[in-house]
């Protein structure tokens, strides 16, 4: 599945940033054997990655786009000063900016996958930082769109 593969590539890129204490999960990704998806853990921060189903611009051509949402939450109780928010937000925002500015999302961003060749990525804002005292977290959302092409015969490969 194209969306699941792109999501896995995004997760791998964020994990490669080496952000200690950040757990990264994908909406399309299955939980590890023996785990229950979306259960609580003791990590100071979590990032949820979700790639929407592809949307085609027109009939008969393989140009499509997928909206991507990254939702970061940082636990207030484990990071009471708020400094950790920037520790997680800055590297993620810089990675997305780098991807937005590149002209080769297949190689430079590693967002290509079987059946999809990315043509570019556009950051479209997000929200935050916001405080949810009831949940005990700060949150920041990042949104972007990946645009690219699928070959005419890619549906037979899935």
N, C-alpha and C. Protein backbone atom coordinates (compact mmCIF):
# COMPACT_ATOMS: atom_id res chain seq x y z
N UNK A 1 0.84 -1.17 0.00
CA UNK A 1 0.00 0.00 0.00
C UNK A 1 0.89 1.25 0.00
N UNK A 2 0.67 2.12 -0.94
CA UNK A 2 1.50 3.31 -1.11
C UNK A 2 1.51 4.19 0.13
N UNK A 3 0.34 4.50 0.68
CA UNK A 3 0.25 5.38 1.84
C UNK A 3 1.00 4.80 3.04
N UNK A 4 0.86 3.51 3.25
CA UNK A 4 1.53 2.85 4.37
C UNK A 4 3.05 2.90 4.19
N UNK A 5 3.53 2.71 2.97
CA UNK A 5 4.97 2.76 2.70
C UNK A 5 5.54 4.16 2.90
N UNK A 6 4.81 5.17 2.42
CA UNK A 6 5.26 6.56 2.61
C UNK A 6 5.28 6.89 4.10
N UNK A 7 4.26 6.47 4.81
CA UNK A 7 4.20 6.70 6.26
C UNK A 7 5.41 6.05 6.94
N UNK A 8 5.75 4.83 6.55
CA UNK A 8 6.92 4.15 7.13
C UNK A 8 8.20 4.90 6.84
N UNK A 9 8.32 5.47 5.64
CA UNK A 9 9.51 6.26 5.29
C UNK A 9 9.60 7.53 6.14
N UNK A 10 8.47 8.17 6.39
CA UNK A 10 8.45 9.37 7.23
C UNK A 10 8.85 9.00 8.66
N UNK A 11 8.30 7.91 9.16
CA UNK A 11 8.63 7.45 10.51
C UNK A 11 10.12 7.17 10.63
N UNK A 12 10.69 6.48 9.65
CA UNK A 12 12.12 6.16 9.68
C UNK A 12 12.97 7.43 9.68
N UNK A 13 12.58 8.42 8.89
CA UNK A 13 13.33 9.68 8.83
C UNK A 13 13.29 10.41 10.16
N UNK A 14 12.15 10.41 10.82
CA UNK A 14 12.03 11.09 12.11
C UNK A 14 12.80 10.32 13.18
N UNK A 15 12.71 9.00 13.14
CA UNK A 15 13.49 8.20 14.10
C UNK A 15 14.98 8.40 13.91
N UNK A 16 15.42 8.62 12.68
CA UNK A 16 16.83 8.86 12.40
C UNK A 16 17.34 10.17 12.99
N UNK A 17 16.42 11.06 13.37
CA UNK A 17 16.83 12.31 14.03
C UNK A 17 17.41 12.04 15.41
N UNK A 18 17.14 10.86 15.97
CA UNK A 18 17.68 10.47 17.27
C UNK A 18 17.14 11.26 18.44
N UNK A 19 15.86 11.58 18.42
CA UNK A 19 15.26 12.36 19.49
C UNK A 19 14.92 11.45 20.67
N UNK A 20 15.74 11.50 21.69
CA UNK A 20 15.58 10.66 22.86
C UNK A 20 14.24 10.93 23.54
N UNK A 21 13.50 9.87 23.83
CA UNK A 21 12.21 10.00 24.52
C UNK A 21 11.02 10.16 23.60
N UNK A 22 11.26 10.19 22.28
CA UNK A 22 10.15 10.35 21.33
C UNK A 22 9.76 9.00 20.75
N UNK A 23 8.48 8.64 20.91
CA UNK A 23 7.93 7.45 20.30
C UNK A 23 7.17 7.89 19.06
N UNK A 24 7.44 7.24 17.92
CA UNK A 24 6.80 7.61 16.66
C UNK A 24 5.94 6.43 16.20
N UNK A 25 4.67 6.74 15.92
CA UNK A 25 3.73 5.71 15.47
C UNK A 25 3.01 6.18 14.21
N UNK A 26 2.64 5.22 13.39
CA UNK A 26 1.92 5.53 12.17
C UNK A 26 0.50 4.98 12.20
N UNK A 27 -0.42 5.72 11.58
CA UNK A 27 -1.82 5.30 11.54
C UNK A 27 -2.00 4.01 10.75
N UNK A 28 -1.23 3.83 9.68
CA UNK A 28 -1.35 2.64 8.86
C UNK A 28 -0.51 1.48 9.39
N UNK A 29 0.43 1.76 10.29
CA UNK A 29 1.36 0.74 10.76
C UNK A 29 0.71 -0.14 11.83
N UNK A 30 0.99 -1.42 11.77
CA UNK A 30 0.49 -2.35 12.78
C UNK A 30 1.38 -2.26 14.02
N UNK A 31 0.81 -2.54 15.17
CA UNK A 31 1.59 -2.60 16.40
C UNK A 31 2.46 -3.85 16.36
N UNK A 32 3.54 -3.83 17.11
CA UNK A 32 4.43 -5.00 17.20
C UNK A 32 3.68 -6.17 17.80
N UNK A 33 4.13 -7.36 17.48
CA UNK A 33 3.52 -8.58 18.02
C UNK A 33 3.48 -8.52 19.53
N UNK A 34 2.32 -8.78 20.11
CA UNK A 34 2.17 -8.76 21.56
C UNK A 34 1.78 -7.42 22.14
N UNK A 35 1.77 -6.36 21.32
CA UNK A 35 1.36 -5.03 21.79
C UNK A 35 -0.04 -4.71 21.30
N UNK A 36 -0.68 -3.80 21.99
CA UNK A 36 -1.99 -3.31 21.57
C UNK A 36 -1.78 -1.89 21.05
N UNK A 37 -2.20 -1.64 19.84
CA UNK A 37 -2.00 -0.32 19.22
C UNK A 37 -2.69 0.76 20.02
N UNK A 38 -2.02 1.91 20.15
CA UNK A 38 -2.54 3.11 20.80
C UNK A 38 -2.69 2.99 22.31
N UNK A 39 -1.92 2.11 22.94
CA UNK A 39 -1.96 2.06 24.40
C UNK A 39 -0.97 3.05 24.96
N UNK A 40 -1.18 3.45 26.18
CA UNK A 40 -0.32 4.42 26.85
C UNK A 40 1.05 3.83 27.14
N UNK A 41 2.07 4.67 27.13
CA UNK A 41 3.38 4.25 27.59
C UNK A 41 3.99 5.39 28.39
N UNK A 42 5.19 5.19 28.86
CA UNK A 42 5.80 6.17 29.77
C UNK A 42 6.74 7.14 29.06
N UNK A 43 6.68 7.24 27.76
CA UNK A 43 7.55 8.13 27.01
C UNK A 43 7.18 9.59 27.26
N UNK A 44 8.18 10.48 27.29
CA UNK A 44 7.88 11.89 27.48
C UNK A 44 7.18 12.54 26.28
N UNK A 45 7.36 11.95 25.10
CA UNK A 45 6.76 12.55 23.90
C UNK A 45 6.36 11.46 22.91
N UNK A 46 5.34 11.76 22.12
CA UNK A 46 4.88 10.84 21.08
C UNK A 46 4.52 11.64 19.84
N UNK A 47 4.78 11.03 18.69
CA UNK A 47 4.43 11.65 17.42
C UNK A 47 3.61 10.66 16.62
N UNK A 48 2.41 11.07 16.24
CA UNK A 48 1.55 10.25 15.39
C UNK A 48 1.68 10.75 13.96
N UNK A 49 1.88 9.82 13.03
CA UNK A 49 2.03 10.14 11.61
C UNK A 49 0.86 9.50 10.88
N UNK A 50 0.17 10.28 10.05
CA UNK A 50 -0.95 9.76 9.28
C UNK A 50 -0.89 10.31 7.85
N UNK A 51 -0.91 9.39 6.89
CA UNK A 51 -0.93 9.75 5.47
C UNK A 51 -2.32 9.43 4.94
N UNK A 52 -2.97 10.45 4.36
CA UNK A 52 -4.33 10.25 3.86
C UNK A 52 -4.32 9.42 2.58
N UNK A 53 -5.45 8.81 2.24
CA UNK A 53 -5.55 8.13 0.96
C UNK A 53 -5.29 9.11 -0.18
N UNK A 54 -4.70 8.61 -1.23
CA UNK A 54 -4.33 9.47 -2.37
C UNK A 54 -5.55 10.06 -3.06
N UNK A 55 -5.34 11.27 -3.57
CA UNK A 55 -6.38 12.00 -4.28
C UNK A 55 -5.82 12.37 -5.65
N UNK A 56 -6.55 12.05 -6.70
CA UNK A 56 -6.09 12.34 -8.05
C UNK A 56 -6.64 13.68 -8.53
N UNK A 57 -5.81 14.39 -9.28
CA UNK A 57 -6.18 15.73 -9.74
C UNK A 57 -7.17 15.70 -10.89
N UNK A 58 -7.14 14.63 -11.68
CA UNK A 58 -8.00 14.57 -12.84
C UNK A 58 -8.21 13.12 -13.24
N UNK A 59 -9.07 12.88 -14.19
CA UNK A 59 -9.32 11.54 -14.70
C UNK A 59 -8.22 11.17 -15.69
N UNK A 60 -7.79 9.93 -15.66
CA UNK A 60 -6.92 9.42 -16.71
C UNK A 60 -5.44 9.73 -16.57
N UNK A 61 -5.04 10.49 -15.56
CA UNK A 61 -3.63 10.79 -15.36
C UNK A 61 -3.24 10.41 -13.94
N UNK A 62 -2.03 9.96 -13.74
CA UNK A 62 -1.57 9.45 -12.46
C UNK A 62 -1.02 10.49 -11.51
N UNK A 63 -1.35 11.76 -11.70
CA UNK A 63 -0.87 12.80 -10.78
C UNK A 63 -1.78 12.80 -9.55
N UNK A 64 -1.18 12.61 -8.39
CA UNK A 64 -1.99 12.55 -7.19
C UNK A 64 -1.30 13.25 -6.04
N UNK A 65 -2.03 13.43 -4.96
CA UNK A 65 -1.46 14.03 -3.75
C UNK A 65 -2.01 13.30 -2.53
N UNK A 66 -1.25 13.39 -1.46
CA UNK A 66 -1.64 12.80 -0.18
C UNK A 66 -1.34 13.82 0.91
N UNK A 67 -2.33 14.10 1.73
CA UNK A 67 -2.12 14.99 2.87
C UNK A 67 -1.50 14.18 4.00
N UNK A 68 -0.56 14.80 4.69
CA UNK A 68 0.12 14.14 5.79
C UNK A 68 -0.03 15.01 7.04
N UNK A 69 -0.34 14.36 8.14
CA UNK A 69 -0.47 15.06 9.42
C UNK A 69 0.47 14.41 10.43
N UNK A 70 1.25 15.25 11.10
CA UNK A 70 2.10 14.81 12.20
C UNK A 70 1.57 15.49 13.45
N UNK A 71 1.24 14.71 14.46
CA UNK A 71 0.73 15.26 15.71
C UNK A 71 1.68 14.91 16.84
N UNK A 72 2.33 15.93 17.38
CA UNK A 72 3.30 15.75 18.46
C UNK A 72 2.64 16.11 19.78
N UNK A 73 2.81 15.25 20.78
CA UNK A 73 2.38 15.57 22.14
C UNK A 73 3.57 15.35 23.07
N UNK A 74 3.74 16.29 23.99
CA UNK A 74 4.81 16.23 24.99
C UNK A 74 4.15 16.28 26.36
N UNK A 75 4.44 15.30 27.20
CA UNK A 75 3.82 15.22 28.52
C UNK A 75 4.37 16.30 29.44
N UNK A 76 3.47 17.05 30.02
CA UNK A 76 3.84 18.13 30.93
C UNK A 76 4.49 17.58 32.20
N UNK A 77 4.00 16.46 32.71
CA UNK A 77 4.54 15.93 33.96
C UNK A 77 5.98 15.45 33.84
N UNK A 78 6.37 14.99 32.65
CA UNK A 78 7.74 14.52 32.46
C UNK A 78 8.66 15.60 31.91
N UNK A 79 8.10 16.69 31.46
CA UNK A 79 8.86 17.81 30.90
C UNK A 79 8.27 19.11 31.43
N UNK A 80 8.34 19.34 32.74
CA UNK A 80 7.60 20.45 33.35
C UNK A 80 8.04 21.85 32.93
N UNK A 81 9.27 22.03 32.49
CA UNK A 81 9.73 23.37 32.15
C UNK A 81 9.26 23.83 30.77
N UNK A 82 8.86 22.90 29.94
CA UNK A 82 8.44 23.25 28.58
C UNK A 82 9.59 23.29 27.59
N UNK A 83 10.82 23.21 28.05
CA UNK A 83 11.98 23.25 27.16
C UNK A 83 11.99 22.08 26.19
N UNK A 84 11.46 20.95 26.61
CA UNK A 84 11.46 19.76 25.76
C UNK A 84 10.60 19.96 24.51
N UNK A 85 9.62 20.82 24.58
CA UNK A 85 8.77 21.06 23.42
C UNK A 85 9.63 21.51 22.23
N UNK A 86 10.48 22.49 22.47
CA UNK A 86 11.36 22.96 21.40
C UNK A 86 12.36 21.89 20.98
N UNK A 87 12.81 21.09 21.94
CA UNK A 87 13.76 20.02 21.65
C UNK A 87 13.20 19.05 20.61
N UNK A 88 11.90 18.81 20.66
CA UNK A 88 11.27 17.90 19.70
C UNK A 88 10.79 18.65 18.44
N UNK A 89 10.23 19.83 18.62
CA UNK A 89 9.64 20.56 17.49
C UNK A 89 10.69 21.03 16.50
N UNK A 90 11.78 21.59 16.97
CA UNK A 90 12.78 22.19 16.08
C UNK A 90 13.34 21.19 15.06
N UNK A 91 13.82 20.02 15.47
CA UNK A 91 14.36 19.08 14.48
C UNK A 91 13.31 18.59 13.48
N UNK A 92 12.08 18.37 13.95
CA UNK A 92 11.02 17.92 13.04
C UNK A 92 10.69 19.01 12.03
N UNK A 93 10.52 20.24 12.51
CA UNK A 93 10.22 21.36 11.60
C UNK A 93 11.34 21.57 10.60
N UNK A 94 12.59 21.45 11.05
CA UNK A 94 13.73 21.61 10.14
C UNK A 94 13.77 20.52 9.08
N UNK A 95 13.44 19.28 9.46
CA UNK A 95 13.40 18.19 8.50
C UNK A 95 12.33 18.46 7.44
N UNK A 96 11.15 18.85 7.88
CA UNK A 96 10.07 19.13 6.92
C UNK A 96 10.42 20.30 6.02
N UNK A 97 11.06 21.32 6.57
CA UNK A 97 11.48 22.46 5.75
C UNK A 97 12.50 22.02 4.70
N UNK A 98 13.43 21.20 5.11
CA UNK A 98 14.44 20.68 4.16
C UNK A 98 13.74 19.92 3.03
N UNK A 99 12.76 19.08 3.39
CA UNK A 99 12.02 18.34 2.38
C UNK A 99 11.24 19.29 1.48
N UNK A 100 10.65 20.32 2.04
CA UNK A 100 9.87 21.29 1.26
C UNK A 100 10.75 22.00 0.23
N UNK A 101 12.00 22.24 0.58
CA UNK A 101 12.91 22.99 -0.29
C UNK A 101 13.66 22.14 -1.31
N UNK A 102 13.59 20.81 -1.17
CA UNK A 102 14.33 19.95 -2.09
C UNK A 102 13.59 19.80 -3.41
N UNK A 103 14.36 19.54 -4.45
CA UNK A 103 13.76 19.31 -5.76
C UNK A 103 13.70 17.82 -6.10
N UNK A 104 14.22 16.97 -5.20
CA UNK A 104 14.26 15.53 -5.46
C UNK A 104 13.74 14.78 -4.24
N UNK A 105 12.42 14.69 -4.12
CA UNK A 105 11.82 14.02 -2.96
C UNK A 105 11.99 12.51 -2.99
N UNK A 106 12.32 11.95 -4.15
CA UNK A 106 12.55 10.51 -4.21
C UNK A 106 13.85 10.16 -3.50
N UNK A 107 14.93 10.85 -3.84
CA UNK A 107 16.23 10.53 -3.27
C UNK A 107 16.55 11.33 -2.02
N UNK A 108 16.35 12.64 -2.05
CA UNK A 108 16.71 13.49 -0.92
C UNK A 108 15.80 13.28 0.28
N UNK A 109 14.54 12.99 0.05
CA UNK A 109 13.58 12.81 1.15
C UNK A 109 13.28 11.35 1.42
N UNK A 110 13.59 10.48 0.47
CA UNK A 110 13.28 9.06 0.57
C UNK A 110 11.78 8.83 0.76
N UNK A 111 10.96 9.57 0.04
CA UNK A 111 9.52 9.42 0.15
C UNK A 111 8.92 8.61 -0.99
N UNK A 112 9.75 8.20 -1.93
CA UNK A 112 9.27 7.36 -3.02
C UNK A 112 9.08 5.93 -2.55
N UNK A 113 8.23 5.22 -3.25
CA UNK A 113 7.98 3.82 -2.93
C UNK A 113 7.48 3.14 -4.19
N UNK A 114 7.43 1.81 -4.17
CA UNK A 114 6.90 1.09 -5.33
C UNK A 114 5.51 1.62 -5.66
N UNK A 115 5.33 2.08 -6.88
CA UNK A 115 4.04 2.56 -7.31
C UNK A 115 3.81 4.05 -7.11
N UNK A 116 4.81 4.77 -6.59
CA UNK A 116 4.64 6.22 -6.39
C UNK A 116 5.98 6.92 -6.49
N UNK A 117 6.04 7.95 -7.34
CA UNK A 117 7.22 8.79 -7.46
C UNK A 117 6.84 10.20 -7.02
N UNK A 118 7.40 10.66 -5.89
CA UNK A 118 7.03 12.00 -5.41
C UNK A 118 7.66 13.08 -6.29
N UNK A 119 6.89 14.10 -6.53
CA UNK A 119 7.39 15.24 -7.28
C UNK A 119 7.72 16.41 -6.38
N UNK A 120 7.15 16.44 -5.20
CA UNK A 120 7.42 17.53 -4.27
C UNK A 120 6.56 17.45 -3.03
N UNK A 121 6.93 18.27 -2.10
CA UNK A 121 6.25 18.32 -0.82
C UNK A 121 6.01 19.78 -0.48
N UNK A 122 4.84 20.08 0.04
CA UNK A 122 4.52 21.45 0.43
C UNK A 122 3.99 21.48 1.86
N UNK A 123 4.73 22.18 2.71
CA UNK A 123 4.26 22.38 4.09
C UNK A 123 3.05 23.30 4.04
N UNK A 124 2.05 22.97 4.84
CA UNK A 124 0.83 23.77 4.83
C UNK A 124 0.42 24.22 6.22
N UNK A 125 1.41 24.38 7.07
CA UNK A 125 1.13 24.90 8.40
C UNK A 125 0.89 23.82 9.41
N UNK A 126 -0.05 24.05 10.27
CA UNK A 126 -0.35 23.14 11.36
C UNK A 126 -1.00 23.93 12.47
N UNK A 127 -0.70 23.55 13.70
CA UNK A 127 -1.25 24.31 14.83
C UNK A 127 -0.38 24.11 16.05
N UNK A 128 -0.54 25.01 16.97
CA UNK A 128 0.17 24.89 18.24
C UNK A 128 1.27 25.92 18.37
N UNK A 129 1.97 25.86 19.44
CA UNK A 129 1.76 24.91 20.52
C UNK A 129 0.51 25.23 21.33
N UNK A 130 -0.13 24.16 21.74
CA UNK A 130 -1.34 24.27 22.55
C UNK A 130 -1.15 23.45 23.82
N UNK A 131 -1.79 23.88 24.89
CA UNK A 131 -1.73 23.16 26.15
C UNK A 131 -3.08 22.54 26.44
N UNK A 132 -3.07 21.26 26.75
CA UNK A 132 -4.28 20.56 27.17
C UNK A 132 -4.03 20.10 28.60
N UNK A 133 -4.46 20.90 29.55
CA UNK A 133 -4.22 20.60 30.97
C UNK A 133 -4.92 19.32 31.40
N UNK A 134 -6.09 19.08 30.86
CA UNK A 134 -6.83 17.87 31.23
C UNK A 134 -6.06 16.60 30.83
N UNK A 135 -5.49 16.61 29.61
CA UNK A 135 -4.70 15.48 29.14
C UNK A 135 -3.26 15.54 29.67
N UNK A 136 -2.84 16.72 30.11
CA UNK A 136 -1.50 16.89 30.64
C UNK A 136 -0.41 16.92 29.57
N UNK A 137 -0.72 17.53 28.42
CA UNK A 137 0.24 17.57 27.32
C UNK A 137 0.26 18.93 26.62
N UNK A 138 1.41 19.20 26.02
CA UNK A 138 1.52 20.25 25.01
C UNK A 138 1.39 19.54 23.68
N UNK A 139 0.83 20.20 22.69
CA UNK A 139 0.72 19.58 21.37
C UNK A 139 1.07 20.57 20.27
N UNK A 140 1.65 20.02 19.21
CA UNK A 140 1.97 20.76 18.01
C UNK A 140 1.62 19.87 16.83
N UNK A 141 0.96 20.42 15.83
CA UNK A 141 0.62 19.66 14.63
C UNK A 141 1.36 20.24 13.44
N UNK A 142 1.86 19.36 12.59
CA UNK A 142 2.52 19.73 11.34
C UNK A 142 1.70 19.11 10.21
N UNK A 143 1.42 19.89 9.17
CA UNK A 143 0.67 19.39 8.02
C UNK A 143 1.45 19.67 6.75
N UNK A 144 1.44 18.71 5.84
CA UNK A 144 2.03 18.93 4.53
C UNK A 144 1.37 18.01 3.52
N UNK A 145 1.59 18.32 2.25
CA UNK A 145 1.04 17.55 1.15
C UNK A 145 2.18 17.03 0.31
N UNK A 146 2.12 15.76 -0.04
CA UNK A 146 3.07 15.16 -0.98
C UNK A 146 2.34 15.01 -2.30
N UNK A 147 2.97 15.47 -3.35
CA UNK A 147 2.38 15.38 -4.68
C UNK A 147 3.31 14.56 -5.56
N UNK A 148 2.76 13.71 -6.40
CA UNK A 148 3.60 12.89 -7.27
C UNK A 148 2.76 12.13 -8.27
N UNK A 149 3.34 11.06 -8.79
CA UNK A 149 2.67 10.29 -9.81
C UNK A 149 2.68 8.80 -9.48
N UNK A 150 1.63 8.14 -9.91
CA UNK A 150 1.58 6.68 -9.88
C UNK A 150 1.50 6.20 -11.32
N UNK A 151 2.27 5.17 -11.65
CA UNK A 151 2.20 4.67 -13.03
C UNK A 151 0.85 4.02 -13.30
N UNK A 152 0.48 3.97 -14.55
CA UNK A 152 -0.82 3.44 -14.95
C UNK A 152 -1.03 2.01 -14.46
N UNK A 153 0.03 1.21 -14.40
CA UNK A 153 -0.12 -0.19 -14.02
C UNK A 153 0.17 -0.48 -12.56
N UNK A 154 0.27 0.55 -11.70
CA UNK A 154 0.64 0.33 -10.31
C UNK A 154 -0.45 -0.40 -9.51
N UNK A 155 -1.69 -0.32 -9.93
CA UNK A 155 -2.76 -0.96 -9.16
C UNK A 155 -2.66 -2.49 -9.23
N UNK A 156 -1.96 -3.02 -10.21
CA UNK A 156 -1.81 -4.46 -10.31
C UNK A 156 -0.72 -4.98 -9.39
N UNK A 157 0.13 -4.08 -8.85
CA UNK A 157 1.22 -4.49 -7.98
C UNK A 157 0.83 -4.55 -6.52
N UNK A 158 -0.35 -4.13 -6.16
CA UNK A 158 -0.74 -4.06 -4.75
C UNK A 158 -1.59 -5.22 -4.34
